[in-house]
Protein backbone atom coordinates (compact mmCIF):
# COMPACT_ATOMS: atom_id res chain seq x y z
CA MET A 1 -18.78 -2.18 -9.15
CA ALA A 2 -16.06 -1.47 -6.74
CA SER A 3 -15.30 -3.36 -3.74
CA LYS A 4 -15.92 -0.95 -0.60
CA THR A 5 -13.42 -1.60 2.50
CA ARG A 6 -14.92 -2.25 5.74
CA PRO A 7 -13.78 0.78 8.53
CA VAL A 8 -10.30 0.36 9.51
CA VAL A 9 -10.16 0.99 13.58
CA ILE A 10 -6.39 1.81 15.08
CA LEU A 11 -6.49 1.54 19.45
CA TYR A 12 -3.13 2.51 20.69
CA GLU A 13 -1.61 3.23 24.04
CA HIS A 14 0.97 4.95 21.86
CA ALA A 15 0.01 7.52 19.26
CA LEU A 16 3.61 7.13 17.16
CA LEU A 17 2.91 3.50 17.20
CA GLY A 18 -1.42 4.18 16.16
CA GLU A 19 -0.75 7.13 13.70
CA GLY A 20 2.22 5.03 12.41
CA ILE A 21 -0.40 2.66 11.31
CA ALA A 22 -2.71 4.47 10.15
CA GLU A 23 -0.19 6.83 7.72
CA TYR A 24 0.74 3.32 6.40
CA LEU A 25 -2.16 1.80 5.23
CA LEU A 26 -3.25 5.16 4.37
CA ALA A 27 -0.48 4.96 1.46
CA GLN A 28 0.07 1.35 0.87
CA LEU A 29 -3.95 1.03 0.29
CA GLY A 30 -5.65 4.57 0.39
CA VAL A 31 -7.44 3.39 3.02
CA GLU A 32 -8.09 5.98 5.90
CA ALA A 33 -8.19 4.60 9.86
CA THR A 34 -10.23 5.97 13.10
CA VAL A 35 -7.38 6.23 16.02
CA ALA A 36 -7.96 5.79 19.45
CA SER A 37 -6.57 6.14 22.52
CA ALA A 38 -6.87 2.18 23.67
CA LEU A 39 -6.16 3.97 27.85
CA ASP A 40 -9.93 5.87 26.76
CA PRO A 41 -13.03 3.76 27.49
CA GLN A 42 -15.18 5.85 25.43
CA ALA A 43 -12.95 6.67 22.43
CA VAL A 44 -12.51 2.86 22.09
CA ILE A 45 -16.54 2.25 22.29
CA SER A 46 -16.81 4.65 19.59
CA ALA A 47 -14.74 3.82 16.92
CA LEU A 48 -15.29 -0.11 17.54
CA ALA A 49 -19.13 1.06 16.51
CA LEU A 50 -18.48 2.13 13.26
CA GLY A 51 -18.43 -1.89 12.31
CA PRO A 52 -14.63 -2.29 11.65
CA GLY A 53 -13.49 -4.86 9.47
CA VAL A 54 -10.35 -5.27 11.26
CA VAL A 55 -9.17 -4.14 14.26
CA ILE A 56 -5.42 -3.31 15.19
CA PHE A 57 -4.79 -2.43 18.70
CA GLU A 58 -2.10 -2.46 21.82
CA LEU A 59 -3.61 -4.04 24.48
CA THR A 60 -3.46 -2.67 27.80
CA GLU A 61 -4.76 -2.97 30.64
CA SER A 62 -8.01 -0.87 30.37
CA LEU A 63 -8.22 -2.76 27.68
CA GLY A 64 -8.29 -6.23 28.17
CA ARG A 65 -11.20 -5.30 30.71
CA VAL A 66 -13.03 -4.44 27.17
CA ASP A 67 -14.90 -8.36 24.83
CA LEU A 68 -13.04 -6.92 21.14
CA PRO A 69 -15.13 -9.93 20.17
CA THR A 70 -18.26 -8.57 21.13
CA LEU A 71 -18.27 -5.15 19.82
CA ALA A 72 -16.28 -6.38 16.91
CA PRO A 73 -18.25 -8.74 15.60
CA GLY A 74 -16.68 -10.78 13.02
CA ALA A 75 -13.90 -8.11 12.95
CA ILE A 76 -10.48 -9.30 12.29
CA LEU A 77 -8.20 -8.38 15.06
CA ILE A 78 -4.50 -7.83 15.15
CA ASP A 79 -2.41 -6.75 18.29
CA VAL A 80 1.31 -6.40 18.13
CA SER A 81 2.31 -9.70 17.92
CA THR A 82 -0.86 -11.76 17.60
CA VAL A 83 -3.52 -11.80 14.77
CA VAL A 84 -7.13 -13.22 15.88
CA THR A 85 -10.02 -14.44 13.42
CA ARG A 86 -13.38 -15.20 13.41
CA GLY A 87 -12.65 -17.40 10.30
CA PRO A 88 -11.15 -21.05 9.16
CA ALA A 89 -7.48 -20.43 9.89
CA LEU A 90 -5.98 -19.36 13.56
CA CYS A 91 -2.65 -17.37 12.40
CA SER A 92 0.74 -18.07 14.87
CA PRO A 93 1.74 -15.36 16.98
CA ALA A 94 4.53 -13.70 14.43
CA ALA A 95 2.24 -12.95 12.12
CA ALA A 96 1.31 -9.31 13.07
CA ARG A 97 3.84 -7.66 10.76
CA LEU A 98 3.27 -5.03 8.36
CA GLN A 99 2.60 -7.58 5.44
CA ARG A 100 0.17 -9.66 7.32
CA ILE A 101 -1.78 -6.39 8.46
CA LEU A 102 -2.47 -4.91 4.62
CA GLN A 103 -3.03 -8.45 3.64
CA ALA A 104 -5.55 -8.18 7.08
CA VAL A 105 -7.54 -4.94 5.39
CA SER A 106 -7.52 -5.85 1.60
CA ASN A 107 -9.09 -8.47 2.57
CA SER A 108 -12.05 -7.39 4.37
CA SER A 109 -13.48 -5.45 1.02
CA TRP A 110 -17.62 -6.28 0.76
């Protein structure tokens, strides 16, 4: 039985970044991501309610008021400069490259 990938959520301030990462994930892994504006609190809450395995985000002032670890428990949280995980290792700030994003999404299967 093939493994199923947990949902991927992209919270963006700049649509080009959010949509670009979503297209990249689709092209590279065949994974469709939910993309929502980080500036819209209701869109953020709705997207995080999907129980994502990975949340890719741009940290904005409004998103800074959201408790991502609580709203997406167990998810790998990736911002433009840092990867934060509830797993055994904390990754360095330079780890948020596209290859790291692909690896995180690939590893989020259940």
